[in-house]
N, C-alpha and C. Protein backbone atom coordinates (compact mmCIF):
# COMPACT_ATOMS: atom_id res chain seq x y z
N UNK A 1 -70.09 -112.92 51.97
CA UNK A 1 -70.34 -114.15 52.51
C UNK A 1 -71.37 -113.94 53.75
N UNK A 2 -72.33 -114.58 53.42
CA UNK A 2 -73.44 -114.27 54.68
C UNK A 2 -73.25 -115.28 55.63
N UNK A 3 -73.68 -114.86 56.81
CA UNK A 3 -73.73 -115.76 58.08
C UNK A 3 -74.87 -116.74 57.99
N UNK A 4 -75.88 -116.51 57.24
CA UNK A 4 -77.03 -117.42 57.04
C UNK A 4 -76.56 -118.63 56.19
N UNK A 5 -75.76 -118.42 55.19
CA UNK A 5 -75.15 -119.41 54.43
C UNK A 5 -74.29 -120.19 55.08
N UNK A 6 -73.37 -119.64 56.04
CA UNK A 6 -72.51 -120.49 56.82
C UNK A 6 -73.15 -121.34 57.91
N UNK A 7 -74.20 -120.74 58.43
CA UNK A 7 -74.84 -121.60 59.63
C UNK A 7 -76.03 -122.13 59.31
N UNK A 8 -76.85 -121.42 58.57
CA UNK A 8 -78.17 -121.69 58.40
C UNK A 8 -78.99 -121.02 59.47
N UNK A 9 -80.28 -120.75 59.04
CA UNK A 9 -81.26 -119.96 59.99
C UNK A 9 -81.20 -120.44 61.34
N UNK A 10 -81.49 -121.74 61.40
CA UNK A 10 -81.65 -122.37 62.90
C UNK A 10 -80.58 -122.34 63.61
N UNK A 11 -79.23 -122.63 63.05
CA UNK A 11 -77.96 -122.64 63.82
C UNK A 11 -77.71 -121.10 64.33
N UNK A 12 -77.91 -120.25 63.35
CA UNK A 12 -77.67 -118.88 63.62
C UNK A 12 -78.49 -118.29 64.86
N UNK A 13 -79.79 -118.82 64.72
CA UNK A 13 -80.60 -118.37 65.98
C UNK A 13 -80.03 -118.91 67.31
N UNK A 14 -79.45 -120.26 67.09
CA UNK A 14 -79.03 -120.82 68.41
C UNK A 14 -77.86 -120.11 68.96
N UNK A 15 -77.06 -119.70 68.02
CA UNK A 15 -75.60 -119.03 68.20
C UNK A 15 -76.18 -117.60 68.71
N UNK A 16 -77.21 -116.87 68.15
CA UNK A 16 -77.62 -115.66 68.75
C UNK A 16 -78.14 -115.82 70.09
N UNK A 17 -78.77 -116.93 70.53
CA UNK A 17 -79.43 -116.83 71.90
C UNK A 17 -78.22 -116.96 72.90
N UNK A 18 -77.15 -117.58 72.50
CA UNK A 18 -76.14 -117.59 73.54
C UNK A 18 -75.02 -116.39 73.39
N UNK A 19 -75.11 -115.78 72.22
CA UNK A 19 -74.04 -114.47 71.96
C UNK A 19 -74.86 -113.43 72.00
N UNK A 20 -74.80 -112.67 73.04
CA UNK A 20 -75.68 -111.45 73.23
C UNK A 20 -75.23 -110.22 72.35
N UNK A 21 -74.15 -110.31 71.90
CA UNK A 21 -73.83 -109.12 70.91
C UNK A 21 -74.37 -109.49 69.64
N UNK A 22 -74.85 -110.70 69.24
CA UNK A 22 -75.45 -111.00 68.04
C UNK A 22 -76.80 -110.82 68.02
N UNK A 23 -77.45 -110.72 69.14
CA UNK A 23 -78.85 -110.69 69.40
C UNK A 23 -79.46 -109.35 68.89
N UNK A 24 -78.63 -108.46 68.94
CA UNK A 24 -79.25 -107.02 68.25
C UNK A 24 -78.95 -106.85 66.94
N UNK A 25 -78.17 -107.59 66.36
CA UNK A 25 -77.97 -107.52 64.92
C UNK A 25 -78.71 -108.65 63.95
N UNK A 26 -79.07 -108.13 62.75
CA UNK A 26 -79.82 -109.03 62.02
C UNK A 26 -78.65 -109.65 61.17
N UNK A 27 -79.14 -110.91 60.74
CA UNK A 27 -78.10 -111.70 60.10
C UNK A 27 -77.58 -111.28 58.82
N UNK A 28 -78.50 -110.41 58.14
CA UNK A 28 -78.25 -110.01 56.79
C UNK A 28 -77.30 -108.59 57.01
N UNK A 29 -77.31 -107.97 58.13
CA UNK A 29 -76.31 -106.77 58.30
C UNK A 29 -74.95 -107.40 58.68
N UNK A 30 -74.77 -108.55 59.27
CA UNK A 30 -73.43 -109.03 59.55
C UNK A 30 -72.69 -109.40 58.40
N UNK A 31 -73.27 -109.83 57.32
CA UNK A 31 -72.60 -110.26 56.22
C UNK A 31 -71.66 -109.14 55.53
N UNK A 32 -72.12 -108.05 55.68
CA UNK A 32 -71.50 -107.00 54.88
C UNK A 32 -70.92 -106.12 55.91
N UNK A 33 -70.76 -106.34 57.12
CA UNK A 33 -70.25 -105.39 58.12
C UNK A 33 -68.76 -105.52 58.05
N UNK A 34 -68.07 -106.50 58.15
CA UNK A 34 -66.66 -106.82 58.35
C UNK A 34 -66.16 -107.77 57.32
N UNK A 35 -66.46 -107.25 56.12
CA UNK A 35 -66.09 -108.26 55.01
C UNK A 35 -64.58 -108.34 54.87
N UNK A 36 -63.89 -107.23 55.03
CA UNK A 36 -62.25 -107.22 54.80
C UNK A 36 -61.67 -108.34 55.80
N UNK A 37 -62.17 -108.39 56.91
CA UNK A 37 -61.67 -109.32 58.04
C UNK A 37 -62.15 -110.61 57.73
N UNK A 38 -63.28 -110.74 57.39
CA UNK A 38 -63.86 -112.16 57.25
C UNK A 38 -63.35 -112.77 56.03
N UNK A 39 -62.97 -111.95 54.94
CA UNK A 39 -62.47 -112.65 53.73
C UNK A 39 -61.20 -113.39 53.88
N UNK A 40 -60.37 -113.14 54.92
CA UNK A 40 -59.27 -113.85 55.27
C UNK A 40 -59.56 -115.27 55.88
N UNK A 41 -60.63 -115.36 56.30
CA UNK A 41 -61.04 -116.61 57.28
C UNK A 41 -62.03 -117.48 56.47
N UNK A 42 -61.92 -118.68 56.77
CA UNK A 42 -62.93 -119.68 56.05
C UNK A 42 -64.20 -119.84 57.23
N UNK A 43 -65.13 -120.58 56.70
CA UNK A 43 -66.28 -120.68 57.46
C UNK A 43 -66.21 -121.13 58.86
N UNK A 44 -65.23 -122.09 58.98
CA UNK A 44 -64.95 -122.71 60.20
C UNK A 44 -64.37 -121.59 61.24
N UNK A 45 -63.64 -120.81 60.72
CA UNK A 45 -63.00 -119.85 61.58
C UNK A 45 -64.10 -118.78 61.88
N UNK A 46 -64.93 -118.43 61.13
CA UNK A 46 -65.99 -117.52 61.40
C UNK A 46 -66.79 -118.03 62.24
N UNK A 47 -67.04 -119.31 62.24
CA UNK A 47 -68.08 -119.97 63.33
C UNK A 47 -67.57 -119.84 64.77
N UNK A 48 -66.06 -120.13 64.55
CA UNK A 48 -65.28 -120.16 65.80
C UNK A 48 -65.28 -118.67 66.37
N UNK A 49 -65.14 -117.73 65.64
CA UNK A 49 -65.20 -116.19 65.95
C UNK A 49 -66.54 -115.95 66.64
N UNK A 50 -67.63 -116.33 65.95
CA UNK A 50 -68.96 -116.12 66.36
C UNK A 50 -69.26 -116.63 67.75
N UNK A 51 -68.77 -117.66 67.97
CA UNK A 51 -69.00 -118.32 69.33
C UNK A 51 -67.98 -117.79 70.31
N UNK A 52 -66.75 -117.57 69.95
CA UNK A 52 -65.73 -117.13 71.07
C UNK A 52 -65.77 -115.60 71.29
N UNK A 53 -65.86 -114.79 70.23
CA UNK A 53 -65.83 -113.40 70.53
C UNK A 53 -66.65 -112.66 69.55
N UNK A 54 -67.91 -112.87 69.54
CA UNK A 54 -68.74 -112.18 68.38
C UNK A 54 -68.77 -110.74 68.10
N UNK A 55 -68.19 -109.98 69.18
CA UNK A 55 -68.16 -108.58 69.08
C UNK A 55 -67.19 -108.09 67.92
N UNK A 56 -66.37 -109.06 67.56
CA UNK A 56 -65.33 -108.81 66.37
C UNK A 56 -66.33 -108.61 64.97
N UNK A 57 -67.32 -109.60 64.98
CA UNK A 57 -67.92 -109.64 63.76
C UNK A 57 -69.17 -108.63 63.74
N UNK A 58 -69.56 -108.22 64.90
CA UNK A 58 -70.71 -107.22 64.92
C UNK A 58 -70.41 -105.92 65.18
N UNK A 59 -68.98 -105.57 65.41
CA UNK A 59 -68.43 -104.37 65.65
C UNK A 59 -68.37 -103.29 64.67
N UNK A 60 -68.37 -102.05 65.01
CA UNK A 60 -68.20 -101.03 63.86
C UNK A 60 -67.06 -101.38 62.95
N UNK A 61 -67.36 -101.38 61.86
CA UNK A 61 -66.40 -101.47 60.61
C UNK A 61 -65.20 -100.83 60.63
N UNK A 62 -65.19 -99.54 60.90
CA UNK A 62 -64.12 -98.70 61.02
C UNK A 62 -62.94 -99.03 62.03
N UNK A 63 -63.49 -99.49 63.13
CA UNK A 63 -62.46 -99.97 64.17
C UNK A 63 -61.81 -101.12 63.97
N UNK A 64 -62.62 -102.00 63.32
CA UNK A 64 -61.76 -103.43 62.90
C UNK A 64 -60.93 -103.08 61.63
N UNK A 65 -61.30 -102.23 60.70
CA UNK A 65 -60.54 -102.05 59.60
C UNK A 65 -59.22 -101.24 60.12
N UNK A 66 -59.42 -100.31 61.02
CA UNK A 66 -58.28 -99.58 61.28
C UNK A 66 -57.13 -100.47 62.35
N UNK A 67 -57.71 -101.16 63.06
CA UNK A 67 -56.75 -102.16 63.60
C UNK A 67 -56.23 -103.36 62.57
N UNK A 68 -57.02 -103.56 61.68
CA UNK A 68 -56.58 -104.65 60.57
C UNK A 68 -55.24 -103.89 59.97
N UNK A 69 -55.47 -102.63 59.63
CA UNK A 69 -54.41 -101.97 58.77
C UNK A 69 -53.26 -101.78 59.79
N UNK A 70 -53.40 -101.56 60.97
CA UNK A 70 -52.45 -101.29 62.11
C UNK A 70 -51.60 -102.44 62.11
N UNK A 71 -52.17 -103.62 62.26
CA UNK A 71 -51.42 -104.96 62.54
C UNK A 71 -50.75 -105.19 61.15
N UNK A 72 -51.32 -105.01 60.03
CA UNK A 72 -50.65 -105.45 58.87
C UNK A 72 -49.59 -104.32 58.34
N UNK A 73 -49.87 -103.28 58.49
CA UNK A 73 -48.99 -102.20 57.86
C UNK A 73 -47.98 -101.44 58.99
N UNK A 74 -48.54 -101.13 60.08
CA UNK A 74 -47.65 -100.53 61.12
C UNK A 74 -46.93 -101.51 61.99
N UNK A 75 -47.41 -102.79 62.22
CA UNK A 75 -46.69 -103.70 62.89
C UNK A 75 -45.83 -104.71 62.08
N UNK A 76 -46.39 -104.85 60.68
CA UNK A 76 -45.65 -105.57 59.78
C UNK A 76 -45.93 -107.03 59.76
N UNK A 77 -47.17 -107.40 60.20
CA UNK A 77 -47.50 -108.92 60.11
C UNK A 77 -48.26 -109.08 58.73
N UNK A 78 -47.98 -110.19 58.16
CA UNK A 78 -48.50 -110.52 56.79
C UNK A 78 -49.83 -111.14 57.16
N UNK A 79 -50.73 -111.36 56.04
CA UNK A 79 -51.92 -111.94 56.14
C UNK A 79 -52.14 -113.20 56.93
N UNK A 80 -51.32 -114.11 56.92
CA UNK A 80 -51.49 -115.38 57.76
C UNK A 80 -51.25 -115.04 59.15
N UNK A 81 -50.17 -114.08 59.33
CA UNK A 81 -49.86 -113.58 60.89
C UNK A 81 -51.17 -112.92 61.26
N UNK A 82 -51.94 -111.93 60.56
CA UNK A 82 -53.03 -111.23 60.85
C UNK A 82 -54.18 -112.18 61.34
N UNK A 83 -54.23 -113.32 60.51
CA UNK A 83 -55.37 -114.23 60.76
C UNK A 83 -55.10 -115.11 62.00
N UNK A 84 -53.92 -115.50 62.04
CA UNK A 84 -53.42 -116.21 63.37
C UNK A 84 -53.69 -115.34 64.65
N UNK A 85 -53.28 -114.12 64.43
CA UNK A 85 -53.55 -113.16 65.57
C UNK A 85 -55.00 -113.09 66.00
N UNK A 86 -55.95 -112.91 64.95
CA UNK A 86 -57.30 -112.93 65.09
C UNK A 86 -58.01 -114.12 65.61
N UNK A 87 -57.45 -115.26 65.08
CA UNK A 87 -57.97 -116.41 65.77
C UNK A 87 -57.66 -116.74 67.15
N UNK A 88 -56.29 -116.30 67.48
CA UNK A 88 -55.72 -116.66 68.90
C UNK A 88 -56.25 -115.63 69.85
N UNK A 89 -56.28 -114.61 69.55
CA UNK A 89 -56.71 -113.27 70.49
C UNK A 89 -57.44 -112.27 69.74
N UNK A 90 -58.75 -112.77 69.51
CA UNK A 90 -59.67 -111.76 68.68
C UNK A 90 -59.96 -110.30 69.33
N UNK A 91 -59.59 -110.34 70.71
CA UNK A 91 -59.83 -109.23 71.59
C UNK A 91 -58.82 -108.03 71.22
N UNK A 92 -57.84 -108.24 70.56
CA UNK A 92 -56.88 -107.41 70.07
C UNK A 92 -57.54 -106.68 69.03
N UNK A 93 -58.38 -107.04 68.16
CA UNK A 93 -59.19 -106.44 67.03
C UNK A 93 -60.23 -105.29 67.78
N UNK A 94 -60.39 -105.41 69.02
CA UNK A 94 -61.34 -104.54 69.58
C UNK A 94 -60.56 -103.56 70.50
N UNK A 95 -59.39 -103.55 70.72
CA UNK A 95 -58.69 -102.61 71.53
C UNK A 95 -58.50 -101.27 70.91
N UNK A 96 -57.79 -100.33 71.82
CA UNK A 96 -57.46 -99.01 71.25
C UNK A 96 -56.15 -99.28 70.48
N UNK A 97 -56.19 -98.55 69.35
CA UNK A 97 -55.10 -98.78 68.35
C UNK A 97 -53.76 -98.37 68.90
N UNK A 98 -53.85 -97.09 69.59
CA UNK A 98 -52.61 -96.55 70.11
C UNK A 98 -51.98 -97.51 71.29
N UNK A 99 -52.84 -97.98 72.12
CA UNK A 99 -52.47 -98.87 73.14
C UNK A 99 -51.90 -100.18 72.54
N UNK A 100 -52.49 -100.65 71.57
CA UNK A 100 -51.89 -101.97 70.89
C UNK A 100 -50.60 -101.66 70.18
N UNK A 101 -50.48 -100.52 69.67
CA UNK A 101 -49.17 -100.15 68.90
C UNK A 101 -48.08 -100.02 70.03
N UNK A 102 -48.45 -99.29 71.21
CA UNK A 102 -47.42 -99.30 72.29
C UNK A 102 -46.85 -100.64 72.58
N UNK A 103 -47.82 -101.40 72.96
CA UNK A 103 -47.48 -102.91 73.52
C UNK A 103 -46.58 -103.53 72.59
N UNK A 104 -47.13 -103.43 71.20
CA UNK A 104 -46.34 -104.13 70.30
C UNK A 104 -44.94 -103.49 70.06
N UNK A 105 -44.70 -102.25 69.99
CA UNK A 105 -43.48 -101.63 69.95
C UNK A 105 -42.58 -101.94 71.03
N UNK A 106 -43.07 -101.95 72.30
CA UNK A 106 -42.14 -102.43 73.41
C UNK A 106 -41.70 -103.71 73.35
N UNK A 107 -42.70 -104.58 72.89
CA UNK A 107 -42.18 -106.00 72.81
C UNK A 107 -41.43 -106.39 71.74
N UNK A 108 -41.50 -105.67 70.62
CA UNK A 108 -40.89 -106.12 69.28
C UNK A 108 -39.50 -105.29 69.20
N UNK A 109 -39.71 -104.01 69.66
CA UNK A 109 -38.28 -103.09 69.34
C UNK A 109 -37.69 -103.07 70.54
N UNK A 110 -38.15 -102.88 71.75
CA UNK A 110 -37.28 -102.83 72.99
C UNK A 110 -36.82 -104.15 73.49
N UNK A 111 -37.73 -105.07 73.71
CA UNK A 111 -37.33 -106.57 74.09
C UNK A 111 -36.82 -107.34 72.81
N UNK A 112 -36.96 -106.95 71.72
CA UNK A 112 -36.44 -107.72 70.50
C UNK A 112 -37.00 -109.03 70.23
N UNK A 113 -38.26 -109.23 70.48
CA UNK A 113 -38.91 -110.37 70.14
C UNK A 113 -39.42 -110.26 68.67
N UNK A 114 -39.28 -111.23 68.00
CA UNK A 114 -39.66 -111.24 66.46
C UNK A 114 -41.08 -111.59 66.39
N UNK A 115 -41.66 -111.26 65.17
CA UNK A 115 -43.06 -111.38 64.80
C UNK A 115 -43.50 -112.85 65.07
N UNK A 116 -42.62 -113.83 64.74
CA UNK A 116 -42.99 -115.20 64.93
C UNK A 116 -43.11 -115.66 66.36
N UNK A 117 -42.22 -114.94 67.43
CA UNK A 117 -42.33 -115.25 68.75
C UNK A 117 -43.41 -114.54 69.35
N UNK A 118 -43.87 -113.46 68.82
CA UNK A 118 -45.13 -112.69 69.32
C UNK A 118 -46.28 -113.56 68.80
N UNK A 119 -46.27 -114.13 67.61
CA UNK A 119 -47.54 -115.03 67.13
C UNK A 119 -47.53 -116.38 68.00
N UNK A 120 -46.56 -116.71 68.47
CA UNK A 120 -46.40 -118.01 69.39
C UNK A 120 -47.09 -117.84 70.61
N UNK A 121 -46.88 -116.33 71.18
CA UNK A 121 -47.43 -115.96 72.38
C UNK A 121 -48.25 -114.67 72.18
N UNK A 122 -49.36 -114.75 71.57
CA UNK A 122 -49.93 -113.56 71.27
C UNK A 122 -50.83 -112.86 72.25
N UNK A 123 -50.99 -113.55 73.48
CA UNK A 123 -51.47 -113.11 74.54
C UNK A 123 -50.81 -111.77 75.14
N UNK A 124 -49.44 -111.73 74.84
CA UNK A 124 -48.72 -110.43 75.36
C UNK A 124 -49.26 -109.26 74.82
N UNK A 125 -49.88 -109.30 73.55
CA UNK A 125 -50.29 -108.04 73.13
C UNK A 125 -51.73 -107.66 73.85
N UNK A 126 -52.27 -108.69 74.67
CA UNK A 126 -53.46 -108.45 75.46
C UNK A 126 -53.06 -108.00 76.80
N UNK A 127 -51.68 -107.93 77.26
CA UNK A 127 -51.29 -107.73 78.42
C UNK A 127 -51.02 -106.20 78.79
N UNK A 128 -51.39 -105.55 79.85
CA UNK A 128 -51.20 -104.17 80.18
C UNK A 128 -49.69 -103.91 79.91
N UNK A 129 -49.39 -102.78 79.22
CA UNK A 129 -48.02 -102.36 79.11
C UNK A 129 -47.27 -102.08 80.30
N UNK A 130 -47.97 -101.58 81.47
CA UNK A 130 -47.40 -101.37 82.72
C UNK A 130 -46.88 -102.65 83.31
N UNK A 131 -47.52 -103.72 83.11
CA UNK A 131 -47.05 -105.14 83.43
C UNK A 131 -45.94 -105.53 82.71
N UNK A 132 -46.00 -105.47 81.48
CA UNK A 132 -44.78 -105.76 80.51
C UNK A 132 -43.73 -105.09 80.94
N UNK A 133 -43.78 -103.65 81.01
CA UNK A 133 -42.65 -102.77 81.47
C UNK A 133 -41.94 -103.16 82.72
N UNK A 134 -42.86 -103.22 83.67
CA UNK A 134 -42.29 -103.41 85.14
C UNK A 134 -41.56 -104.81 85.26
N UNK A 135 -42.10 -105.81 84.54
CA UNK A 135 -41.35 -107.20 84.48
C UNK A 135 -40.18 -106.98 83.88
N UNK A 136 -40.09 -106.56 82.61
CA UNK A 136 -39.05 -106.54 81.80
C UNK A 136 -37.88 -105.60 82.56
N UNK A 137 -38.26 -104.53 83.16
CA UNK A 137 -37.23 -103.58 83.77
C UNK A 137 -36.53 -104.31 85.13
N UNK A 138 -37.41 -105.07 85.77
CA UNK A 138 -37.03 -105.87 86.84
C UNK A 138 -35.92 -106.89 86.37
N UNK A 139 -36.37 -107.55 85.42
CA UNK A 139 -35.53 -108.67 84.73
C UNK A 139 -34.08 -107.92 84.33
N UNK A 140 -34.32 -106.80 83.84
CA UNK A 140 -32.91 -106.19 83.44
C UNK A 140 -32.18 -105.62 84.53
N UNK A 141 -32.78 -105.30 85.60
CA UNK A 141 -32.02 -104.85 86.88
C UNK A 141 -31.34 -106.06 87.49
N UNK A 142 -31.89 -107.19 87.31
CA UNK A 142 -31.25 -108.31 87.96
C UNK A 142 -30.24 -109.07 86.83
N UNK A 143 -30.27 -108.49 85.76
CA UNK A 143 -29.37 -109.06 84.63
C UNK A 143 -29.92 -110.45 84.30
N UNK A 144 -31.35 -110.56 84.14
CA UNK A 144 -31.94 -111.93 83.85
C UNK A 144 -32.70 -111.69 82.58
N UNK A 145 -32.54 -110.56 81.78
CA UNK A 145 -33.30 -110.30 80.55
C UNK A 145 -32.73 -111.12 79.41
N UNK A 146 -32.79 -112.37 79.56
CA UNK A 146 -32.06 -113.22 78.49
C UNK A 146 -33.31 -113.90 77.79
N UNK A 147 -33.41 -113.43 76.52
CA UNK A 147 -34.42 -113.83 75.88
C UNK A 147 -34.32 -114.65 74.47
N UNK A 148 -33.02 -115.19 74.52
CA UNK A 148 -32.50 -115.98 73.47
C UNK A 148 -32.61 -117.49 73.98
N UNK A 149 -33.55 -118.30 73.53
CA UNK A 149 -33.63 -119.54 73.98
C UNK A 149 -32.56 -120.49 73.84
N UNK A 150 -31.51 -120.23 73.10
CA UNK A 150 -30.32 -121.12 72.91
C UNK A 150 -29.28 -120.84 74.21
N UNK A 151 -29.50 -119.71 75.00
CA UNK A 151 -28.60 -119.47 75.96
C UNK A 151 -29.18 -119.93 77.34
N UNK A 152 -28.30 -119.98 78.24
CA UNK A 152 -28.88 -120.37 79.66
C UNK A 152 -29.71 -119.19 80.16
N UNK A 153 -30.43 -119.59 81.19
CA UNK A 153 -31.48 -118.71 82.04
C UNK A 153 -32.24 -117.93 81.12
N UNK A 154 -32.93 -118.67 80.10
CA UNK A 154 -33.69 -118.12 79.16
C UNK A 154 -35.01 -117.76 79.75
N UNK A 155 -35.64 -116.59 79.47
CA UNK A 155 -36.76 -116.13 80.01
C UNK A 155 -37.77 -116.06 78.73
N UNK A 156 -38.93 -116.73 78.72
CA UNK A 156 -39.84 -116.78 77.55
C UNK A 156 -40.74 -115.72 77.68
N UNK A 157 -41.37 -115.32 76.52
CA UNK A 157 -42.38 -114.46 76.48
C UNK A 157 -43.61 -114.72 77.19
N UNK A 158 -43.93 -115.85 77.36
CA UNK A 158 -45.03 -116.35 78.35
C UNK A 158 -44.73 -116.10 79.74
N UNK A 159 -43.54 -116.03 80.10
CA UNK A 159 -43.01 -115.56 81.54
C UNK A 159 -43.48 -114.24 81.92
N UNK A 160 -43.35 -113.41 80.81
CA UNK A 160 -43.54 -112.01 81.10
C UNK A 160 -45.07 -111.74 81.39
N UNK A 161 -45.99 -112.42 80.67
CA UNK A 161 -47.42 -111.94 80.70
C UNK A 161 -48.13 -112.90 81.56
N UNK A 162 -47.71 -114.07 82.01
CA UNK A 162 -48.59 -114.94 82.65
C UNK A 162 -48.10 -115.15 84.06
N UNK A 163 -49.03 -115.63 84.92
CA UNK A 163 -48.73 -116.06 86.21
C UNK A 163 -48.84 -114.64 87.29
N UNK A 164 -48.82 -114.84 88.55
CA UNK A 164 -48.95 -113.73 89.25
C UNK A 164 -47.67 -113.17 89.62
N UNK A 165 -47.51 -112.01 90.27
CA UNK A 165 -46.27 -111.50 90.56
C UNK A 165 -45.39 -112.36 91.30
N UNK A 166 -45.98 -112.96 92.27
CA UNK A 166 -45.20 -113.80 93.23
C UNK A 166 -44.50 -115.03 92.41
N UNK A 167 -45.26 -115.61 91.45
CA UNK A 167 -44.59 -116.66 90.71
C UNK A 167 -43.68 -116.15 89.97
N UNK A 168 -44.00 -114.92 89.21
CA UNK A 168 -42.83 -114.24 88.38
C UNK A 168 -41.52 -114.15 89.00
N UNK A 169 -41.64 -113.59 90.25
CA UNK A 169 -40.53 -113.13 91.06
C UNK A 169 -39.67 -114.33 91.49
N UNK A 170 -40.59 -115.30 92.11
CA UNK A 170 -39.79 -116.53 92.61
C UNK A 170 -39.30 -117.55 91.49
N UNK A 171 -40.23 -117.77 90.48
CA UNK A 171 -39.69 -118.82 89.68
C UNK A 171 -38.92 -118.35 88.52
N UNK A 172 -39.27 -117.16 87.91
CA UNK A 172 -38.44 -116.67 86.79
C UNK A 172 -37.22 -115.81 87.26
N UNK A 173 -37.56 -114.99 88.11
CA UNK A 173 -36.27 -114.06 88.51
C UNK A 173 -35.60 -114.64 89.57
N UNK A 174 -35.98 -115.43 90.36
CA UNK A 174 -35.20 -116.18 91.43
C UNK A 174 -34.96 -115.05 92.39
N UNK A 175 -35.86 -114.24 92.88
CA UNK A 175 -35.76 -113.21 93.80
C UNK A 175 -36.79 -113.30 94.70
N UNK A 176 -37.13 -112.16 95.60
CA UNK A 176 -38.23 -112.18 96.60
C UNK A 176 -39.33 -111.16 96.28
N UNK A 177 -40.39 -111.40 96.72
CA UNK A 177 -41.47 -110.50 96.34
C UNK A 177 -41.29 -109.07 96.95
N UNK A 178 -40.51 -109.14 98.18
CA UNK A 178 -40.20 -107.82 98.76
C UNK A 178 -39.23 -106.92 97.80
N UNK A 179 -38.39 -107.63 97.20
CA UNK A 179 -37.40 -106.82 96.48
C UNK A 179 -38.29 -106.30 95.27
N UNK A 180 -39.15 -107.13 94.76
CA UNK A 180 -39.98 -106.73 93.55
C UNK A 180 -40.79 -105.44 93.86
N UNK A 181 -41.52 -105.61 95.03
CA UNK A 181 -42.19 -104.60 95.49
C UNK A 181 -41.69 -103.25 95.87
N UNK A 182 -40.37 -103.33 96.31
CA UNK A 182 -39.55 -102.16 96.51
C UNK A 182 -39.18 -101.64 95.10
N UNK A 183 -38.90 -102.33 94.16
CA UNK A 183 -38.42 -102.03 92.85
C UNK A 183 -39.77 -101.24 92.25
N UNK A 184 -40.89 -101.76 92.40
CA UNK A 184 -42.22 -101.20 91.88
C UNK A 184 -42.31 -99.86 92.52
N UNK A 185 -41.85 -99.48 93.66
CA UNK A 185 -42.05 -98.20 94.20
C UNK A 185 -41.25 -97.30 93.64
N UNK A 186 -40.19 -97.53 93.03
CA UNK A 186 -39.12 -96.69 92.44
C UNK A 186 -39.67 -96.34 90.94
N UNK A 187 -40.64 -97.12 90.24
CA UNK A 187 -41.04 -96.67 89.00
C UNK A 187 -41.85 -95.49 89.01
């Protein structure tokens, strides 16, 4: 699938003007670069990726292939899940594979979030592991690590990665920032 066919020469030049990563790559080179990843997406999705995060399309083929393999085989996402992850957080396909696997393993295996929950909040894979760990351990310390939405005092996955520490501590943990700071010193 060629980007020239998707966009046309004039549209592609306009996109290249705004996306610096595409400025150094010839359109004919892009079409053959990441075909494995692009085969899963339709032309609208590729347009979206080209404008939102063009580095995924223009990056080195082995990097994207390795991460796609990791997401599918090591993490256990299916084709639809991989595509959803690509469109929601394309930066994941440019990360260090080991770092991505560590984040996924912590969230999926230790915190016991399902693949579906991770796909509903894919930004968690873009969050530093130290932030995820420290917030999870603090919730555990306070006996607030309740991740079942059917039970009271439920903490969503979004609460783990979003917001400032102050918001997390006061609104989610119902504690003080001083307590959290003292906790962080013990890690």
